[in-house]
C-alpha atoms as a PDB file:
ATOM      1  CA  UNK A   1     161.606  39.234 186.437  1.00  0.00           C
ATOM      2  CA  UNK A   2     162.666  37.875 183.295  1.00  0.00           C
ATOM      3  CA  UNK A   3     165.996  36.531 181.820  1.00  0.00           C
ATOM      4  CA  UNK A   4     168.747  38.723 181.043  1.00  0.00           C
ATOM      5  CA  UNK A   5     168.034  38.461 177.114  1.00  0.00           C
ATOM      6  CA  UNK A   6     164.697  40.041 177.855  1.00  0.00           C
ATOM      7  CA  UNK A   7     165.866  42.716 180.259  1.00  0.00           C
ATOM      8  CA  UNK A   8     168.277  44.297 178.008  1.00  0.00           C
ATOM      9  CA  UNK A   9     168.890  43.529 174.354  1.00  0.00           C
ATOM     10  CA  UNK A  10     172.297  43.250 172.637  1.00  0.00           C
ATOM     11  CA  UNK A  11     175.784  42.302 174.288  1.00  0.00           C
ATOM     12  CA  UNK A  12     175.941  41.955 178.029  1.00  0.00           C
ATOM     13  CA  UNK A  13     178.486  42.210 180.815  1.00  0.00           C
ATOM     14  CA  UNK A  14     178.617  38.720 182.332  1.00  0.00           C
ATOM     15  CA  UNK A  15     180.699  37.867 185.192  1.00  0.00           C
ATOM     16  CA  UNK A  16     181.550  34.115 186.141  1.00  0.00           C
ATOM     17  CA  UNK A  17     183.163  33.240 189.276  1.00  0.00           C
ATOM     18  CA  UNK A  18     184.689  29.567 189.666  1.00  0.00           C
ATOM     19  CA  UNK A  19     186.974  27.716 191.924  1.00  0.00           C
ATOM     20  CA  UNK A  20     187.793  25.602 189.057  1.00  0.00           C
ATOM     21  CA  UNK A  21     189.691  27.421 186.338  1.00  0.00           C
ATOM     22  CA  UNK A  22     193.065  27.326 184.726  1.00  0.00           C
ATOM     23  CA  UNK A  23     195.650  25.843 184.939  1.00  0.00           C
ATOM     24  CA  UNK A  24     193.348  23.093 186.452  1.00  0.00           C
ATOM     25  CA  UNK A  25     192.199  20.327 183.728  1.00  0.00           C
ATOM     26  CA  UNK A  26     188.762  19.010 184.141  1.00  0.00           C
ATOM     27  CA  UNK A  27     185.364  18.865 182.741  1.00  0.00           C
ATOM     28  CA  UNK A  28     184.283  22.264 184.725  1.00  0.00           C
ATOM     29  CA  UNK A  29     187.218  24.024 183.307  1.00  0.00           C
ATOM     30  CA  UNK A  30     186.637  22.857 179.583  1.00  0.00           C
ATOM     31  CA  UNK A  31     183.019  23.737 179.681  1.00  0.00           C
ATOM     32  CA  UNK A  32     183.400  27.058 181.239  1.00  0.00           C
ATOM     33  CA  UNK A  33     186.373  28.023 178.922  1.00  0.00           C
ATOM     34  CA  UNK A  34     184.359  26.961 175.812  1.00  0.00           C
ATOM     35  CA  UNK A  35     180.969  28.428 176.810  1.00  0.00           C
ATOM     36  CA  UNK A  36     182.981  32.092 177.604  1.00  0.00           C
ATOM     37  CA  UNK A  37     184.655  31.842 174.004  1.00  0.00           C
ATOM     38  CA  UNK A  38     181.236  31.303 172.363  1.00  0.00           C
ATOM     39  CA  UNK A  39     179.825  34.222 174.437  1.00  0.00           C
ATOM     40  CA  UNK A  40     182.565  36.550 173.667  1.00  0.00           C
ATOM     41  CA  UNK A  41     182.401  35.430 169.870  1.00  0.00           C
ATOM     42  CA  UNK A  42     178.722  36.642 170.053  1.00  0.00           C
ATOM     43  CA  UNK A  43     179.568  39.925 171.331  1.00  0.00           C
ATOM     44  CA  UNK A  44     179.156  39.553 175.328  1.00  0.00           C
ATOM     45  CA  UNK A  45     181.914  41.073 177.481  1.00  0.00           C
ATOM     46  CA  UNK A  46     182.764  38.042 179.978  1.00  0.00           C
ATOM     47  CA  UNK A  47     184.900  38.321 182.839  1.00  0.00           C
ATOM     48  CA  UNK A  48     186.003  35.091 184.620  1.00  0.00           C
ATOM     49  CA  UNK A  49     187.400  35.194 188.256  1.00  0.00           C
ATOM     50  CA  UNK A  50     189.175  32.015 189.300  1.00  0.00           C
ATOM     51  CA  UNK A  51     191.588  31.064 191.973  1.00  0.00           C
ATOM     52  CA  UNK A  52     194.369  32.064 189.804  1.00  0.00           C
ATOM     53  CA  UNK A  53     194.055  35.829 190.931  1.00  0.00           C
ATOM     54  CA  UNK A  54     194.513  35.095 194.596  1.00  0.00           C
ATOM     55  CA  UNK A  55     196.505  33.704 197.140  1.00  0.00           C
ATOM     56  CA  UNK A  56     195.678  29.904 197.364  1.00  0.00           C
ATOM     57  CA  UNK A  57     196.518  26.776 198.900  1.00  0.00           C
ATOM     58  CA  UNK A  58     196.296  23.216 197.419  1.00  0.00           C
ATOM     59  CA  UNK A  59     193.146  21.371 198.088  1.00  0.00           C
ATOM     60  CA  UNK A  60     193.872  18.505 200.308  1.00  0.00           C
ATOM     61  CA  UNK A  61     194.126  15.291 198.078  1.00  0.00           C
ATOM     62  CA  UNK A  62     194.164  17.234 194.936  1.00  0.00           C
ATOM     63  CA  UNK A  63     197.335  19.330 194.870  1.00  0.00           C
ATOM     64  CA  UNK A  64     196.663  20.537 191.415  1.00  0.00           C
ATOM     65  CA  UNK A  65     193.402  22.407 192.524  1.00  0.00           C
ATOM     66  CA  UNK A  66     194.080  25.583 194.257  1.00  0.00           C
ATOM     67  CA  UNK A  67     191.609  27.208 196.666  1.00  0.00           C
ATOM     68  CA  UNK A  68     191.413  30.884 197.197  1.00  0.00           C
ATOM     69  CA  UNK A  69     192.217  32.329 200.569  1.00  0.00           C
ATOM     70  CA  UNK A  70     189.858  34.776 202.074  1.00  0.00           C
ATOM     71  CA  UNK A  71     188.870  36.250 198.621  1.00  0.00           C
ATOM     72  CA  UNK A  72     185.986  38.429 199.855  1.00  0.00           C
ATOM     73  CA  UNK A  73     187.449  41.998 199.826  1.00  0.00           C
ATOM     74  CA  UNK A  74     189.457  41.436 196.550  1.00  0.00           C
ATOM     75  CA  UNK A  75     186.529  39.853 194.948  1.00  0.00           C
ATOM     76  CA  UNK A  76     184.282  42.711 195.814  1.00  0.00           C
ATOM     77  CA  UNK A  77     186.686  45.073 194.397  1.00  0.00           C
ATOM     78  CA  UNK A  78     186.772  43.248 191.170  1.00  0.00           C
ATOM     79  CA  UNK A  79     182.944  42.739 191.027  1.00  0.00           C
ATOM     80  CA  UNK A  80     182.582  46.592 191.363  1.00  0.00           C
ATOM     81  CA  UNK A  81     185.201  47.329 188.701  1.00  0.00           C
ATOM     82  CA  UNK A  82     183.533  45.042 186.389  1.00  0.00           C
ATOM     83  CA  UNK A  83     179.955  46.065 186.955  1.00  0.00           C
ATOM     84  CA  UNK A  84     178.295  43.132 185.527  1.00  0.00           C
ATOM     85  CA  UNK A  85     174.749  42.925 184.043  1.00  0.00           C
ATOM     86  CA  UNK A  86     174.655  38.963 185.284  1.00  0.00           C
ATOM     87  CA  UNK A  87     176.498  37.010 187.674  1.00  0.00           C
ATOM     88  CA  UNK A  88     176.754  33.201 187.397  1.00  0.00           C
ATOM     89  CA  UNK A  89     178.532  31.360 190.200  1.00  0.00           C
ATOM     90  CA  UNK A  90     179.907  27.887 188.880  1.00  0.00           C
ATOM     91  CA  UNK A  91     181.422  26.243 192.021  1.00  0.00           C
ATOM     92  CA  UNK A  92     180.630  25.866 195.767  1.00  0.00           C
ATOM     93  CA  UNK A  93     184.201  26.763 196.671  1.00  0.00           C
ATOM     94  CA  UNK A  94     185.492  29.735 198.516  1.00  0.00           C
ATOM     95  CA  UNK A  95     185.271  31.993 195.859  1.00  0.00           C
ATOM     96  CA  UNK A  96     181.767  30.648 195.124  1.00  0.00           C
ATOM     97  CA  UNK A  97     180.593  31.381 198.796  1.00  0.00           C
ATOM     98  CA  UNK A  98     182.271  34.554 198.747  1.00  0.00           C
ATOM     99  CA  UNK A  99     180.538  35.791 195.642  1.00  0.00           C
ATOM    100  CA  UNK A 100     177.288  34.435 196.925  1.00  0.00           C
ATOM    101  CA  UNK A 101     177.711  36.734 200.109  1.00  0.00           C
ATOM    102  CA  UNK A 102     178.541  39.536 197.821  1.00  0.00           C
ATOM    103  CA  UNK A 103     175.559  39.178 195.635  1.00  0.00           C
ATOM    104  CA  UNK A 104     173.207  38.781 198.844  1.00  0.00           C
ATOM    105  CA  UNK A 105     174.575  41.650 200.496  1.00  0.00           C
ATOM    106  CA  UNK A 106     173.809  43.673 197.361  1.00  0.00           C
ATOM    107  CA  UNK A 107     170.605  42.492 196.687  1.00  0.00           C
ATOM    108  CA  UNK A 108     171.749  41.209 193.527  1.00  0.00           C
ATOM    109  CA  UNK A 109     170.130  38.077 191.659  1.00  0.00           C
ATOM    110  CA  UNK A 110     172.537  35.381 190.443  1.00  0.00           C
ATOM    111  CA  UNK A 111     172.700  31.930 188.928  1.00  0.00           C
ATOM    112  CA  UNK A 112     174.465  28.890 190.090  1.00  0.00           C
ATOM    113  CA  UNK A 113     175.590  25.468 188.381  1.00  0.00           C
ATOM    114  CA  UNK A 114     175.854  22.060 189.808  1.00  0.00           C
ATOM    115  CA  UNK A 115     178.777  20.247 188.336  1.00  0.00           C
ATOM    116  CA  UNK A 116     179.863  17.804 191.119  1.00  0.00           C
ATOM    117  CA  UNK A 117     178.239  15.398 193.787  1.00  0.00           C
ATOM    118  CA  UNK A 118     180.507  16.724 196.594  1.00  0.00           C
ATOM    119  CA  UNK A 119     178.371  14.875 199.166  1.00  0.00           C
ATOM    120  CA  UNK A 120     179.070  11.551 197.644  1.00  0.00           C
ATOM    121  CA  UNK A 121     182.964  12.470 197.188  1.00  0.00           C
ATOM    122  CA  UNK A 122     183.024  13.852 201.099  1.00  0.00           C
ATOM    123  CA  UNK A 123     181.307  10.666 202.188  1.00  0.00           C
ATOM    124  CA  UNK A 124     183.661   8.283 200.275  1.00  0.00           C
ATOM    125  CA  UNK A 125     186.501  10.149 201.857  1.00  0.00           C
ATOM    126  CA  UNK A 126     185.580  11.121 205.259  1.00  0.00           C
ATOM    127  CA  UNK A 127     182.362   9.335 205.811  1.00  0.00           C
ATOM    128  CA  UNK A 128     180.490  12.583 206.608  1.00  0.00           C
ATOM    129  CA  UNK A 129     176.792  11.650 206.272  1.00  0.00           C
ATOM    130  CA  UNK A 130     175.433  12.789 202.616  1.00  0.00           C
ATOM    131  CA  UNK A 131     172.260  14.367 204.378  1.00  0.00           C
ATOM    132  CA  UNK A 132     174.392  17.008 206.066  1.00  0.00           C
ATOM    133  CA  UNK A 133     176.309  17.876 202.813  1.00  0.00           C
ATOM    134  CA  UNK A 134     173.360  18.021 200.735  1.00  0.00           C
ATOM    135  CA  UNK A 135     171.761  20.497 203.171  1.00  0.00           C
ATOM    136  CA  UNK A 136     174.956  22.841 202.788  1.00  0.00           C
ATOM    137  CA  UNK A 137     174.746  22.164 198.799  1.00  0.00           C
ATOM    138  CA  UNK A 138     170.953  23.159 199.163  1.00  0.00           C
ATOM    139  CA  UNK A 139     171.563  26.166 201.196  1.00  0.00           C
ATOM    140  CA  UNK A 140     174.081  27.563 198.672  1.00  0.00           C
ATOM    141  CA  UNK A 141     172.088  26.930 195.454  1.00  0.00           C
ATOM    142  CA  UNK A 142     168.660  27.957 196.573  1.00  0.00           C
ATOM    143  CA  UNK A 143     169.873  31.563 197.367  1.00  0.00           C
ATOM    144  CA  UNK A 144     170.113  32.091 193.689  1.00  0.00           C
ATOM    145  CA  UNK A 145     167.599  32.237 190.910  1.00  0.00           C
ATOM    146  CA  UNK A 146     168.495  29.195 189.254  1.00  0.00           C
ATOM    147  CA  UNK A 147     170.782  26.113 189.407  1.00  0.00           C
ATOM    148  CA  UNK A 148     171.972  25.111 186.182  1.00  0.00           C
ATOM    149  CA  UNK A 149     172.290  21.182 185.662  1.00  0.00           C
ATOM    150  CA  UNK A 150     173.458  19.156 182.661  1.00  0.00           C
ATOM    151  CA  UNK A 151     170.966  16.158 182.265  1.00  0.00           C
ATOM    152  CA  UNK A 152     167.329  15.231 183.136  1.00  0.00           C
ATOM    153  CA  UNK A 153     168.381  12.648 185.482  1.00  0.00           C
ATOM    154  CA  UNK A 154     170.410  14.836 187.575  1.00  0.00           C
ATOM    155  CA  UNK A 155     167.595  17.494 187.621  1.00  0.00           C
ATOM    156  CA  UNK A 156     165.276  14.864 188.832  1.00  0.00           C
ATOM    157  CA  UNK A 157     167.813  14.002 191.659  1.00  0.00           C
ATOM    158  CA  UNK A 158     168.243  17.574 192.670  1.00  0.00           C
ATOM    159  CA  UNK A 159     164.538  18.083 192.747  1.00  0.00           C
ATOM    160  CA  UNK A 160     164.463  15.023 195.203  1.00  0.00           C
ATOM    161  CA  UNK A 161     166.997  16.805 197.379  1.00  0.00           C
ATOM    162  CA  UNK A 162     164.771  19.923 197.802  1.00  0.00           C
ATOM    163  CA  UNK A 163     166.218  22.147 194.911  1.00  0.00           C
ATOM    164  CA  UNK A 164     163.342  24.260 193.537  1.00  0.00           C
ATOM    165  CA  UNK A 165     164.882  26.202 190.652  1.00  0.00           C
ATOM    166  CA  UNK A 166     166.636  23.826 188.558  1.00  0.00           C
ATOM    167  CA  UNK A 167     167.417  24.861 184.904  1.00  0.00           C
ATOM    168  CA  UNK A 168     168.487  22.497 182.300  1.00  0.00           C
ATOM    169  CA  UNK A 169     171.827  23.215 180.460  1.00  0.00           C
ATOM    170  CA  UNK A 170     173.370  20.370 178.371  1.00  0.00           C
ATOM    171  CA  UNK A 171     176.970  20.061 176.995  1.00  0.00           C
ATOM    172  CA  UNK A 172     178.585  20.184 173.685  1.00  0.00           C
ATOM    173  CA  UNK A 173     181.639  18.723 172.199  1.00  0.00           C
ATOM    174  CA  UNK A 174     184.374  20.107 169.809  1.00  0.00           C
ATOM    175  CA  UNK A 175     183.529  17.959 166.718  1.00  0.00           C
ATOM    176  CA  UNK A 176     186.356  19.472 164.699  1.00  0.00           C
ATOM    177  CA  UNK A 177     188.799  18.275 167.154  1.00  0.00           C
ATOM    178  CA  UNK A 178     187.394  14.937 168.181  1.00  0.00           C
ATOM    179  CA  UNK A 179     186.684  12.767 164.951  1.00  0.00           C
ATOM    180  CA  UNK A 180     187.352   9.213 163.749  1.00  0.00           C
ATOM    181  CA  UNK A 181     190.192  10.133 161.408  1.00  0.00           C
ATOM    182  CA  UNK A 182     192.084  11.705 164.517  1.00  0.00           C
ATOM    183  CA  UNK A 183     193.982   8.350 164.776  1.00  0.00           C
ATOM    184  CA  UNK A 184     195.678   8.948 161.320  1.00  0.00           C
ATOM    185  CA  UNK A 185     197.483  12.069 162.476  1.00  0.00           C
ATOM    186  CA  UNK A 186     200.590  12.659 164.522  1.00  0.00           C
ATOM    187  CA  UNK A 187     202.894  10.352 166.195  1.00  0.00           C
ATOM    188  CA  UNK A 188     201.697   6.798 167.193  1.00  0.00           C
ATOM    189  CA  UNK A 189     201.257   5.988 170.964  1.00  0.00           C
ATOM    190  CA  UNK A 190     203.455   3.279 172.300  1.00  0.00           C
ATOM    191  CA  UNK A 191     200.282   1.514 173.251  1.00  0.00           C
ATOM    192  CA  UNK A 192     198.923   1.166 169.735  1.00  0.00           C
ATOM    193  CA  UNK A 193     200.836  -2.037 169.465  1.00  0.00           C
ATOM    194  CA  UNK A 194     198.993  -3.529 172.358  1.00  0.00           C
ATOM    195  CA  UNK A 195     196.817  -6.481 171.942  1.00  0.00           C
ATOM    196  CA  UNK A 196     193.399  -5.753 170.707  1.00  0.00           C
ATOM    197  CA  UNK A 197     190.779  -4.960 171.611  1.00  0.00           C
ATOM    198  CA  UNK A 198     191.787  -1.782 173.541  1.00  0.00           C
ATOM    199  CA  UNK A 199     189.733  -0.689 176.283  1.00  0.00           C
ATOM    200  CA  UNK A 200     190.246   3.065 177.174  1.00  0.00           C
ATOM    201  CA  UNK A 201     189.572   5.255 180.097  1.00  0.00           C
ATOM    202  CA  UNK A 202     190.560   8.918 179.698  1.00  0.00           C
ATOM    203  CA  UNK A 203     190.050  11.573 182.552  1.00  0.00           C
ATOM    204  CA  UNK A 204     191.253  12.376 185.973  1.00  0.00           C
ATOM    205  CA  UNK A 205     192.691   9.558 187.776  1.00  0.00           C
ATOM    206  CA  UNK A 206     190.878  10.216 191.176  1.00  0.00           C
ATOM    207  CA  UNK A 207     188.991   7.847 193.600  1.00  0.00           C
ATOM    208  CA  UNK A 208     185.579   9.147 192.533  1.00  0.00           C
ATOM    209  CA  UNK A 209     186.200   8.187 189.079  1.00  0.00           C
ATOM    210  CA  UNK A 210     185.982   4.372 190.107  1.00  0.00           C
ATOM    211  CA  UNK A 211     188.737   3.410 187.695  1.00  0.00           C
ATOM    212  CA  UNK A 212     189.549   0.283 189.747  1.00  0.00           C
ATOM    213  CA  UNK A 213     186.352  -1.253 188.799  1.00  0.00           C
ATOM    214  CA  UNK A 214     187.352  -1.206 185.149  1.00  0.00           C
ATOM    215  CA  UNK A 215     191.044  -2.213 185.566  1.00  0.00           C
ATOM    216  CA  UNK A 216     189.888  -5.274 187.714  1.00  0.00           C
ATOM    217  CA  UNK A 217     187.605  -6.678 184.757  1.00  0.00           C
ATOM    218  CA  UNK A 218     188.589  -9.711 183.037  1.00  0.00           C
ATOM    219  CA  UNK A 219     188.787  -8.495 179.499  1.00  0.00           C
ATOM    220  CA  UNK A 220     190.346  -9.767 176.550  1.00  0.00           C
ATOM    221  CA  UNK A 221     192.972  -7.328 174.861  1.00  0.00           C
ATOM    222  CA  UNK A 222     194.281  -4.322 176.744  1.00  0.00           C
ATOM    223  CA  UNK A 223     193.614  -1.763 179.108  1.00  0.00           C
ATOM    224  CA  UNK A 224     194.485   1.818 178.895  1.00  0.00           C
ATOM    225  CA  UNK A 225     194.415   4.798 181.248  1.00  0.00           C
ATOM    226  CA  UNK A 226     195.060   8.297 179.800  1.00  0.00           C
ATOM    227  CA  UNK A 227     195.292  10.895 182.270  1.00  0.00           C
ATOM    228  CA  UNK A 228     196.698  11.831 185.599  1.00  0.00           C
ATOM    229  CA  UNK A 229     195.693  12.520 189.169  1.00  0.00           C
ATOM    230  CA  UNK A 230     196.242  11.477 192.930  1.00  0.00           C
ATOM    231  CA  UNK A 231     195.187   7.905 192.451  1.00  0.00           C
ATOM    232  CA  UNK A 232     197.555   7.162 189.543  1.00  0.00           C
ATOM    233  CA  UNK A 233     200.470   5.577 191.521  1.00  0.00           C
ATOM    234  CA  UNK A 234     198.239   3.247 193.796  1.00  0.00           C
ATOM    235  CA  UNK A 235     196.599   1.962 190.447  1.00  0.00           C
ATOM    236  CA  UNK A 236     199.705   1.418 188.732  1.00  0.00           C
ATOM    237  CA  UNK A 237     201.039  -0.589 191.805  1.00  0.00           C
ATOM    238  CA  UNK A 238     197.744  -2.592 191.796  1.00  0.00           C
ATOM    239  CA  UNK A 239     197.178  -3.203 188.294  1.00  0.00           C
ATOM    240  CA  UNK A 240     200.779  -3.613 186.845  1.00  0.00           C
ATOM    241  CA  UNK A 241     199.332  -5.233 183.475  1.00  0.00           C
ATOM    242  CA  UNK A 242     197.271  -2.134 182.677  1.00  0.00           C
ATOM    243  CA  UNK A 243     199.111   0.591 180.430  1.00  0.00           C
ATOM    244  CA  UNK A 244     198.929   4.064 182.076  1.00  0.00           C
ATOM    245  CA  UNK A 245     199.646   6.603 179.182  1.00  0.00           C
ATOM    246  CA  UNK A 246     199.741   9.653 181.370  1.00  0.00           C
ATOM    247  CA  UNK A 247     198.253  13.237 180.646  1.00  0.00           C
ATOM    248  CA  UNK A 248     197.513  13.892 177.029  1.00  0.00           C
ATOM    249  CA  UNK A 249     195.977  16.958 175.505  1.00  0.00           C
ATOM    250  CA  UNK A 250     195.136  18.421 172.221  1.00  0.00           C
ATOM    251  CA  UNK A 251     195.683  16.142 169.310  1.00  0.00           C
ATOM    252  CA  UNK A 252     197.146  13.229 171.320  1.00  0.00           C
ATOM    253  CA  UNK A 253     193.946  12.954 173.314  1.00  0.00           C
ATOM    254  CA  UNK A 254     192.038  13.226 170.116  1.00  0.00           C
ATOM    255  CA  UNK A 255     194.154  10.313 168.909  1.00  0.00           C
ATOM    256  CA  UNK A 256     193.750   8.260 171.906  1.00  0.00           C
ATOM    257  CA  UNK A 257     189.815   8.058 171.800  1.00  0.00           C
ATOM    258  CA  UNK A 258     189.926   7.379 167.993  1.00  0.00           C
ATOM    259  CA  UNK A 259     192.555   4.372 168.544  1.00  0.00           C
ATOM    260  CA  UNK A 260     190.545   2.571 171.017  1.00  0.00           C
ATOM    261  CA  UNK A 261     187.911   0.113 170.433  1.00  0.00           C
ATOM    262  CA  UNK A 262     185.814   0.669 173.592  1.00  0.00           C
ATOM    263  CA  UNK A 263     185.790   3.801 176.068  1.00  0.00           C
ATOM    264  CA  UNK A 264     185.023   2.490 179.443  1.00  0.00           C
ATOM    265  CA  UNK A 265     183.438   5.094 181.892  1.00  0.00           C
ATOM    266  CA  UNK A 266     183.293   3.405 185.243  1.00  0.00           C
ATOM    267  CA  UNK A 267     182.317   6.447 187.149  1.00  0.00           C
ATOM    268  CA  UNK A 268     179.039   6.200 189.285  1.00  0.00           C
ATOM    269  CA  UNK A 269     178.966   9.899 190.578  1.00  0.00           C
ATOM    270  CA  UNK A 270     179.705  12.130 187.317  1.00  0.00           C
ATOM    271  CA  UNK A 271     177.012  14.450 186.929  1.00  0.00           C
ATOM    272  CA  UNK A 272     177.508  14.494 182.954  1.00  0.00           C
ATOM    273  CA  UNK A 273     180.842  13.455 181.618  1.00  0.00           C
ATOM    274  CA  UNK A 274     182.215  15.224 178.714  1.00  0.00           C
ATOM    275  CA  UNK A 275     184.491  12.512 177.903  1.00  0.00           C
ATOM    276  CA  UNK A 276     181.647  10.318 176.904  1.00  0.00           C
ATOM    277  CA  UNK A 277     180.712  12.904 173.853  1.00  0.00           C
ATOM    278  CA  UNK A 278     184.491  13.248 173.050  1.00  0.00           C
ATOM    279  CA  UNK A 279     184.592   9.292 172.655  1.00  0.00           C
ATOM    280  CA  UNK A 280     181.579   9.180 170.532  1.00  0.00           C
ATOM    281  CA  UNK A 281     182.750  12.152 168.330  1.00  0.00           C
ATOM    282  CA  UNK A 282     185.816  10.085 167.730  1.00  0.00           C
ATOM    283  CA  UNK A 283     183.650   7.040 166.724  1.00  0.00           C
ATOM    284  CA  UNK A 284     184.471   5.087 169.739  1.00  0.00           C
ATOM    285  CA  UNK A 285     181.518   3.206 171.568  1.00  0.00           C
ATOM    286  CA  UNK A 286     180.971   3.764 175.379  1.00  0.00           C
ATOM    287  CA  UNK A 287     180.444   1.229 178.098  1.00  0.00           C
ATOM    288  CA  UNK A 288     179.237   2.342 181.497  1.00  0.00           C
ATOM    289  CA  UNK A 289     177.129   1.871 184.157  1.00  0.00           C
ATOM    290  CA  UNK A 290     173.321   2.712 183.981  1.00  0.00           C
ATOM    291  CA  UNK A 291     173.620   6.016 185.975  1.00  0.00           C
ATOM    292  CA  UNK A 292     173.329   9.885 185.577  1.00  0.00           C
ATOM    293  CA  UNK A 293     175.460  11.049 182.736  1.00  0.00           C
ATOM    294  CA  UNK A 294     175.558   7.643 180.564  1.00  0.00           C
ATOM    295  CA  UNK A 295     171.834   6.988 181.073  1.00  0.00           C
ATOM    296  CA  UNK A 296     171.279  10.780 179.542  1.00  0.00           C
ATOM    297  CA  UNK A 297     174.000  10.564 176.838  1.00  0.00           C
ATOM    298  CA  UNK A 298     173.933   6.945 175.929  1.00  0.00           C
ATOM    299  CA  UNK A 299     170.435   5.704 176.956  1.00  0.00           C
ATOM    300  CA  UNK A 300     168.749   3.213 174.640  1.00  0.00           C
ATOM    301  CA  UNK A 301     170.753   4.536 171.562  1.00  0.00           C
ATOM    302  CA  UNK A 302     173.019   1.806 169.808  1.00  0.00           C
ATOM    303  CA  UNK A 303     176.149   3.716 170.586  1.00  0.00           C
ATOM    304  CA  UNK A 304     177.498   1.720 173.376  1.00  0.00           C
ATOM    305  CA  UNK A 305     176.303  -0.537 176.273  1.00  0.00           C
ATOM    306  CA  UNK A 306     174.988   0.332 179.683  1.00  0.00           C
ATOM    307  CA  UNK A 307     174.882  -2.430 182.485  1.00  0.00           C
ATOM    308  CA  UNK A 308     175.391  -2.957 186.331  1.00  0.00           C
ATOM    309  CA  UNK A 309     177.894  -5.890 184.939  1.00  0.00           C
ATOM    310  CA  UNK A 310     180.437  -3.335 183.422  1.00  0.00           C
ATOM    311  CA  UNK A 311     182.326  -6.467 182.009  1.00  0.00           C
ATOM    312  CA  UNK A 312     179.311  -7.352 180.052  1.00  0.00           C
ATOM    313  CA  UNK A 313     178.881  -3.716 178.840  1.00  0.00           C
ATOM    314  CA  UNK A 314     182.376  -3.538 177.657  1.00  0.00           C
ATOM    315  CA  UNK A 315     182.211  -6.908 175.703  1.00  0.00           C
ATOM    316  CA  UNK A 316     178.604  -5.891 174.256  1.00  0.00           C
ATOM    317  CA  UNK A 317     180.130  -2.245 173.094  1.00  0.00           C
ATOM    318  CA  UNK A 318     182.725  -4.203 171.002  1.00  0.00           C
ATOM    319  CA  UNK A 319     181.564  -4.110 167.237  1.00  0.00           C
ATOM    320  CA  UNK A 320     179.249  -1.014 167.490  1.00  0.00           C
ATOM    321  CA  UNK A 321     178.927   0.891 164.659  1.00  0.00           C
ATOM    322  CA  UNK A 322     181.470   3.729 164.790  1.00  0.00           C
ATOM    323  CA  UNK A 323     179.535   5.940 162.284  1.00  0.00           C
ATOM    324  CA  UNK A 324     176.552   5.721 164.569  1.00  0.00           C
ATOM    325  CA  UNK A 325     178.629   7.144 167.409  1.00  0.00           C
ATOM    326  CA  UNK A 326     179.716   9.856 165.559  1.00  0.00           C
ATOM    327  CA  UNK A 327     176.421  10.721 164.442  1.00  0.00           C
ATOM    328  CA  UNK A 328     174.943  10.592 167.954  1.00  0.00           C
ATOM    329  CA  UNK A 329     177.805  12.948 169.113  1.00  0.00           C
ATOM    330  CA  UNK A 330     176.974  15.475 166.560  1.00  0.00           C
ATOM    331  CA  UNK A 331     173.668  16.336 168.038  1.00  0.00           C
ATOM    332  CA  UNK A 332     175.761  18.167 170.439  1.00  0.00           C
ATOM    333  CA  UNK A 333     177.124  21.479 169.932  1.00  0.00           C
ATOM    334  CA  UNK A 334     178.977  24.098 172.105  1.00  0.00           C
ATOM    335  CA  UNK A 335     176.999  26.996 170.383  1.00  0.00           C
ATOM    336  CA  UNK A 336     173.777  25.577 171.605  1.00  0.00           C
ATOM    337  CA  UNK A 337     175.447  24.943 175.210  1.00  0.00           C
ATOM    338  CA  UNK A 338     176.410  28.584 175.077  1.00  0.00           C
ATOM    339  CA  UNK A 339     173.129  29.876 173.922  1.00  0.00           C
ATOM    340  CA  UNK A 340     171.239  28.124 176.564  1.00  0.00           C
ATOM    341  CA  UNK A 341     173.517  29.430 179.407  1.00  0.00           C
ATOM    342  CA  UNK A 342     173.212  32.861 178.194  1.00  0.00           C
ATOM    343  CA  UNK A 343     169.524  32.710 177.766  1.00  0.00           C
ATOM    344  CA  UNK A 344     169.156  31.368 181.381  1.00  0.00           C
ATOM    345  CA  UNK A 345     171.233  34.006 183.177  1.00  0.00           C
ATOM    346  CA  UNK A 346     169.249  36.702 185.127  1.00  0.00           C
ATOM    347  CA  UNK A 347     169.826  40.420 185.399  1.00  0.00           C
ATOM    348  CA  UNK A 348     171.473  41.345 188.738  1.00  0.00           C
ATOM    349  CA  UNK A 349     168.791  43.944 189.365  1.00  0.00           C
ATOM    350  CA  UNK A 350     165.912  41.786 188.728  1.00  0.00           C
END
């Protein structure tokens, strides 16, 4: 009952099923997109099945996220046509549950990954007890042969919730795209002339990101929010002195990181936070709470500051050696991330 690489050498046919896929923009999509690219470059045949291939409806509260409607039969036909050597289920949405049922019906082994703390998100929005949601999540993942998770602290948390097949799977960063000299390339942003220091948040503008905690801080200089999402209008109204730059991608996002003095990560619920690595690769220090993600990426290293007093963390992060930030990020590569992913897959036939 070994791993995929041990069961059959050479290239493999790998099926990834995910409710998070293009045109969505988030950390899960970025991770899967990059890993799939690396696997294909190494010779594997990878098929990704996402909600873009099904009739779908917008997720309540997140219109940009589409959920597949009754995908079971069509998904089964797609799976049969592809004939995978290994199946990985990336999310716990309609597609994830449907693929789980297909695998269990056929007696196939599969792996899953834990990207999002849905129990906490649901509790924040609906007050549904987290114990109920954790029970559902545990049922979903424990049917598989391994649950991939990004950090040691998250692995400990999952173990505490009764997960018994946790597999470490860290993340990477595009070191060519996110770099300290990115600020010198491309058109300048309107917020570059704002009073310094510039404290930056970049990512989805949503309730679970806890952005209000950052914007409410009494800090010198300016606060900038790069990104879009369902909470943007409310935050702009509540914090009129903050600068909301909207969605940025490609070179513009890289420039935003490099032009900031401190990257502020106010989330308490993210399982990793790819943006942490992107900021560090750009030479920008991080200020965050001491929670899963920042504790694993930053820890005790001198590339930022972690504190329950987020204002204190922001001020301590100022003046951090930007070269050290870049050097720290260089320890993470997408090639290693993809290799670990592939090595942890299991053959469908056992």
